[in-house]
Amino acid sequence: MKKQIHFLYIAHDCSQASLRQLLRQATNIPMTMHYSRDELAQATGMRPRNAYGVTNRKMALAMAQEMEQGGKSVGKNTSL
């Protein structure tokens, strides 16, 4: 992670090995796992990936608030 990530979308259909690696690297970052690789790719216009990080702090905060208002949970990985 070259830039500071303020919100992380992890695809719910990523492999367990990828999920473990992402969670090891992303501590104390708001995240969600409500979308598939294909849904995230379609929303971003990028190729399918296991995770997408938002580096803009204001945008990340707005996205987290929007998701919570829409009834989708946002969590933080606090494990070490």
Protein backbone atom coordinates (compact mmCIF):
# COMPACT_ATOMS: atom_id res chain seq x y z
CA MET A 1 0.00 0.00 0.00
CA LYS A 2 1.88 3.04 -1.24
CA LYS A 3 -0.75 5.61 -0.26
CA GLN A 4 -2.71 5.84 2.96
CA ILE A 5 -5.98 3.96 2.53
CA HIS A 6 -8.99 5.37 4.38
CA PHE A 7 -11.67 2.90 3.26
CA LEU A 8 -11.34 -0.61 1.88
CA TYR A 9 -13.75 -2.64 -0.22
CA ILE A 10 -12.93 -6.35 -0.04
CA ALA A 11 -14.76 -8.66 -2.44
CA HIS A 12 -16.81 -11.25 -0.55
CA ASP A 13 -15.83 -13.86 -3.12
CA CYS A 14 -12.06 -13.49 -2.74
CA SER A 15 -10.08 -16.50 -1.57
CA GLN A 16 -9.44 -17.15 2.12
CA ALA A 17 -5.69 -16.74 1.54
CA SER A 18 -6.23 -13.31 -0.06
CA LEU A 19 -8.59 -12.30 2.73
CA ARG A 20 -6.06 -13.23 5.41
CA GLN A 21 -3.33 -11.25 3.63
CA LEU A 22 -5.56 -8.19 3.22
CA LEU A 23 -6.65 -8.25 6.85
CA ARG A 24 -3.03 -8.57 8.01
CA GLN A 25 -2.10 -5.42 6.09
CA ALA A 26 -5.24 -3.35 6.72
CA THR A 27 -5.56 -2.72 10.44
CA ASN A 28 -7.83 0.03 11.76
CA ILE A 29 -9.23 0.82 8.31
CA PRO A 30 -13.01 1.03 7.79
CA MET A 31 -14.02 -1.73 5.37
CA THR A 32 -16.89 -3.65 3.92
CA MET A 33 -17.32 -7.02 2.25
CA HIS A 34 -20.81 -6.52 0.79
CA TYR A 35 -19.87 -6.74 -2.88
CA SER A 36 -18.46 -9.33 -5.27
CA ARG A 37 -15.38 -8.91 -7.46
CA ASP A 38 -17.61 -8.37 -10.50
CA GLU A 39 -19.82 -5.79 -8.74
CA LEU A 40 -16.77 -3.82 -7.62
CA ALA A 41 -15.24 -4.00 -11.10
CA GLN A 42 -18.45 -2.75 -12.68
CA ALA A 43 -18.76 0.11 -10.17
CA THR A 44 -15.15 1.25 -10.64
CA GLY A 45 -14.72 0.54 -14.34
CA MET A 46 -11.58 -1.43 -13.52
CA ARG A 47 -10.73 -5.09 -13.92
CA PRO A 48 -11.95 -7.45 -11.16
CA ARG A 49 -9.76 -7.37 -8.06
CA ASN A 50 -9.99 -8.73 -4.54
CA ALA A 51 -9.93 -5.28 -2.97
CA TYR A 52 -10.21 -1.59 -3.78
CA GLY A 53 -8.81 1.08 -1.47
CA VAL A 54 -10.04 4.67 -1.25
CA THR A 55 -7.18 7.09 -0.59
CA ASN A 56 -9.19 10.32 -0.41
CA ARG A 57 -10.14 10.86 3.24
CA LYS A 58 -13.29 12.93 2.60
CA MET A 59 -14.56 10.53 -0.04
CA ALA A 60 -13.92 7.55 2.24
CA LEU A 61 -15.88 9.16 5.08
CA ALA A 62 -18.78 9.98 2.77
CA MET A 63 -18.81 6.42 1.40
CA ALA A 64 -18.85 4.89 4.88
CA GLN A 65 -21.69 7.18 5.99
CA GLU A 66 -23.69 6.42 2.83
CA MET A 67 -23.31 2.69 3.31
CA GLU A 68 -24.39 2.85 6.96
CA GLN A 69 -27.43 4.96 6.05
CA GLY A 70 -28.29 2.37 3.41
CA GLY A 71 -28.29 -0.38 6.02
CA LYS A 72 -24.93 -1.92 5.11
CA SER A 73 -22.46 -2.40 7.91
CA VAL A 74 -18.98 -0.94 7.93
CA GLY A 75 -16.41 -2.57 10.15
CA LYS A 76 -12.78 -2.11 11.13
CA ASN A 77 -10.10 -4.74 11.33
CA THR A 78 -8.54 -4.20 14.72
CA SER A 79 -6.56 -7.42 14.86
CA LEU A 80 -2.78 -7.40 14.73
